[in-house]
Protein backbone atom coordinates (compact mmCIF):
# COMPACT_ATOMS: atom_id res chain seq x y z
CA UNK A 1 89.95 100.47 44.70
CA UNK A 2 87.21 103.52 44.68
CA UNK A 3 83.70 103.08 46.42
CA UNK A 4 80.85 104.13 44.51
CA UNK A 5 79.49 107.50 44.86
CA UNK A 6 77.16 108.99 47.25
CA UNK A 7 74.97 111.90 46.59
CA UNK A 8 72.88 114.23 48.72
CA UNK A 9 69.13 114.77 47.34
CA UNK A 10 69.76 118.09 45.50
CA UNK A 11 73.21 117.10 44.04
CA UNK A 12 71.80 114.10 42.34
CA UNK A 13 68.46 115.93 41.23
CA UNK A 14 71.02 118.09 39.91
CA UNK A 15 72.71 114.97 37.73
CA UNK A 16 69.76 113.57 37.04
CA UNK A 17 68.83 117.28 35.45
CA UNK A 18 72.14 117.77 33.45
CA UNK A 19 71.83 113.46 31.89
CA UNK A 20 74.18 112.48 34.17
CA UNK A 21 74.82 108.72 33.87
CA UNK A 22 76.21 107.73 36.61
CA UNK A 23 73.35 109.22 38.89
CA UNK A 24 70.78 107.52 36.98
CA UNK A 25 72.53 104.18 37.38
CA UNK A 26 73.41 105.36 41.32
CA UNK A 27 69.14 106.27 41.53
CA UNK A 28 68.77 103.01 39.96
CA UNK A 29 71.35 100.91 42.32
CA UNK A 30 69.85 102.81 44.87
CA UNK A 31 66.22 102.94 44.34
CA UNK A 32 64.71 99.71 41.86
CA UNK A 33 64.64 96.98 44.89
CA UNK A 34 61.76 99.37 46.11
CA UNK A 35 59.88 100.75 43.89
CA UNK A 36 59.64 97.35 42.30
CA UNK A 37 58.13 96.26 46.34
CA UNK A 38 55.06 98.96 45.37
CA UNK A 39 54.98 98.11 41.85
CA UNK A 40 54.73 94.14 42.60
CA UNK A 41 52.44 94.77 45.79
CA UNK A 42 50.41 96.29 43.14
CA UNK A 43 50.47 94.19 40.05
CA UNK A 44 51.01 90.74 42.26
CA UNK A 45 52.72 89.37 38.63
CA UNK A 46 56.71 89.44 39.07
CA UNK A 47 57.18 89.50 35.40
CA UNK A 48 55.67 92.22 34.45
CA UNK A 49 56.54 94.16 37.42
CA UNK A 50 60.35 93.62 35.78
CA UNK A 51 58.43 95.32 32.73
CA UNK A 52 56.91 98.07 34.13
CA UNK A 53 59.84 99.16 35.99
CA UNK A 54 61.51 99.68 33.22
CA UNK A 55 59.03 101.69 32.20
CA UNK A 56 58.96 104.04 35.71
CA UNK A 57 62.90 104.70 35.23
CA UNK A 58 62.50 106.02 32.08
CA UNK A 59 59.46 108.27 33.17
CA UNK A 60 61.80 109.71 35.55
CA UNK A 61 64.54 109.86 33.60
CA UNK A 62 62.46 111.76 30.87
CA UNK A 63 60.37 113.50 33.51
CA UNK A 64 63.19 115.22 35.62
CA UNK A 65 63.06 118.39 34.84
CA UNK A 66 59.31 118.11 36.47
CA UNK A 67 60.37 117.84 39.41
CA UNK A 68 59.89 120.01 42.39
CA UNK A 69 61.74 119.95 45.33
CA UNK A 70 59.16 122.40 46.96
CA UNK A 71 56.35 119.68 46.45
CA UNK A 72 58.22 116.50 48.50
CA UNK A 73 61.60 114.66 48.60
CA UNK A 74 62.56 112.78 45.27
CA UNK A 75 61.73 109.50 46.37
CA UNK A 76 58.00 110.38 46.87
CA UNK A 77 58.25 111.94 43.47
CA UNK A 78 59.51 108.56 42.24
CA UNK A 79 57.01 106.25 44.37
CA UNK A 80 54.17 108.03 43.11
CA UNK A 81 55.62 107.37 39.44
CA UNK A 82 55.92 103.69 39.96
CA UNK A 83 52.39 103.63 41.74
CA UNK A 84 50.67 105.52 39.08
CA UNK A 85 52.21 103.43 35.86
CA UNK A 86 51.42 100.27 37.85
CA UNK A 87 47.53 101.29 38.73
CA UNK A 88 47.32 102.56 34.73
CA UNK A 89 48.70 99.09 34.12
CA UNK A 90 46.60 97.02 36.60
CA UNK A 91 43.95 99.05 35.03
CA UNK A 92 45.04 98.78 30.58
CA UNK A 93 42.69 96.32 28.14
CA UNK A 94 46.59 94.87 27.37
CA UNK A 95 46.50 93.38 31.36
CA UNK A 96 42.78 92.91 31.67
CA UNK A 97 43.83 90.52 29.07
CA UNK A 98 46.30 89.10 29.77
CA UNK A 99 45.08 87.89 33.28
CA UNK A 100 41.81 86.43 31.65
CA UNK A 101 44.75 84.49 28.70
CA UNK A 102 46.10 82.90 31.79
CA UNK A 103 43.11 81.59 33.53
CA UNK A 104 42.69 80.30 30.25
CA UNK A 105 46.33 78.23 30.41
CA UNK A 106 45.22 77.28 33.25
CA UNK A 107 41.77 76.20 32.74
CA UNK A 108 42.84 74.43 29.91
CA UNK A 109 46.07 72.71 32.03
CA UNK A 110 43.31 71.44 34.21
CA UNK A 111 41.11 70.50 31.57
CA UNK A 112 43.36 68.66 29.23
CA UNK A 113 44.77 67.00 32.29
CA UNK A 114 41.17 65.75 33.14
CA UNK A 115 40.16 64.31 29.58
CA UNK A 116 41.37 60.65 28.98
CA UNK A 117 44.48 59.27 27.33
CA UNK A 118 44.32 58.24 23.43
CA UNK A 119 43.00 55.30 24.19
CA UNK A 120 40.00 56.23 25.88
CA UNK A 121 39.70 59.75 23.30
CA UNK A 122 37.08 58.02 20.93
CA UNK A 123 34.21 59.72 22.98
CA UNK A 124 36.11 63.20 23.41
CA UNK A 125 36.83 63.49 19.15
CA UNK A 126 32.43 62.89 18.85
CA UNK A 127 32.15 65.85 22.02
CA UNK A 128 34.73 67.69 20.15
CA UNK A 129 33.11 67.37 16.61
CA UNK A 130 29.96 69.26 17.11
CA UNK A 131 32.53 72.45 17.37
CA UNK A 132 32.77 75.59 15.89
CA UNK A 133 35.68 74.33 13.04
CA UNK A 134 37.97 77.05 14.24
CA UNK A 135 37.39 75.47 17.79
CA UNK A 136 37.71 71.38 16.40
CA UNK A 137 41.42 72.20 14.90
CA UNK A 138 42.40 74.59 17.99
CA UNK A 139 41.94 71.22 19.76
CA UNK A 140 42.79 68.66 17.53
CA UNK A 141 46.33 70.78 17.34
CA UNK A 142 46.40 71.03 20.96
CA UNK A 143 44.90 67.81 22.77
CA UNK A 144 45.37 65.37 20.39
CA UNK A 145 48.70 66.40 18.78
CA UNK A 146 50.42 68.35 21.27
CA UNK A 147 51.00 71.81 19.67
CA UNK A 148 51.99 74.63 22.14
CA UNK A 149 49.68 77.55 22.29
CA UNK A 150 52.10 79.45 20.83
CA UNK A 151 53.47 76.82 17.92
CA UNK A 152 49.55 76.52 17.51
CA UNK A 153 49.64 80.85 16.75
CA UNK A 154 52.93 80.07 14.08
CA UNK A 155 51.26 77.57 12.30
CA UNK A 156 47.99 79.15 11.60
CA UNK A 157 49.58 81.87 11.33
CA UNK A 158 46.72 84.11 13.64
CA UNK A 159 47.72 86.08 17.08
CA UNK A 160 48.57 84.02 20.33
CA UNK A 161 45.41 86.17 22.12
CA UNK A 162 42.91 84.67 19.52
CA UNK A 163 44.18 81.25 19.98
CA UNK A 164 43.92 81.19 23.72
CA UNK A 165 40.79 82.83 23.21
CA UNK A 166 39.47 80.39 20.98
CA UNK A 167 40.92 78.40 22.91
CA UNK A 168 39.27 79.04 26.24
CA UNK A 169 36.07 79.19 24.06
CA UNK A 170 36.00 75.67 22.80
CA UNK A 171 36.80 74.86 26.70
CA UNK A 172 33.83 76.46 27.53
CA UNK A 173 31.83 74.94 25.17
CA UNK A 174 32.58 71.72 25.76
CA UNK A 175 32.70 71.39 29.20
CA UNK A 176 28.78 72.39 28.38
CA UNK A 177 28.31 69.81 25.91
CA UNK A 178 29.31 66.87 29.00
CA UNK A 179 27.52 68.12 31.54
CA UNK A 180 24.89 67.69 28.73
């Protein structure tokens, strides 16, 4: 039985520049956990970290020609790609929106769990009637009828992010009205 091959750094770089699939597999097998740790340390989100890790390996594959051993070790070069890509993700508009939407989902769950249930919802239904029409529909579907945000997006043919944003706005308005 053959063991997995081992490469010197110089051999590995040479094979990667030749686009050798075995070398890339070796690179992934031996460095993905460490690079994922770097990415996760920045993003603190396992699912997104996995996506960014994939993006990092694509960048490594595409940019291996730019690696210069005179400037540092291969791992240091890959580490910098992982770190930079994670920071770029953290600063991106999509990341900020997803984090805002995640907090929306948490707030929605907390509000839903703290609001009286069907037999006690007559007062809540009156308060909901004071919301904008877009918000009323979403609150009705999500709270009173029990649909998920994903189901609502599909039913109303609007983006999931829009559903989350509108529900968040509705929750904030409801909080204001309940406090009055």
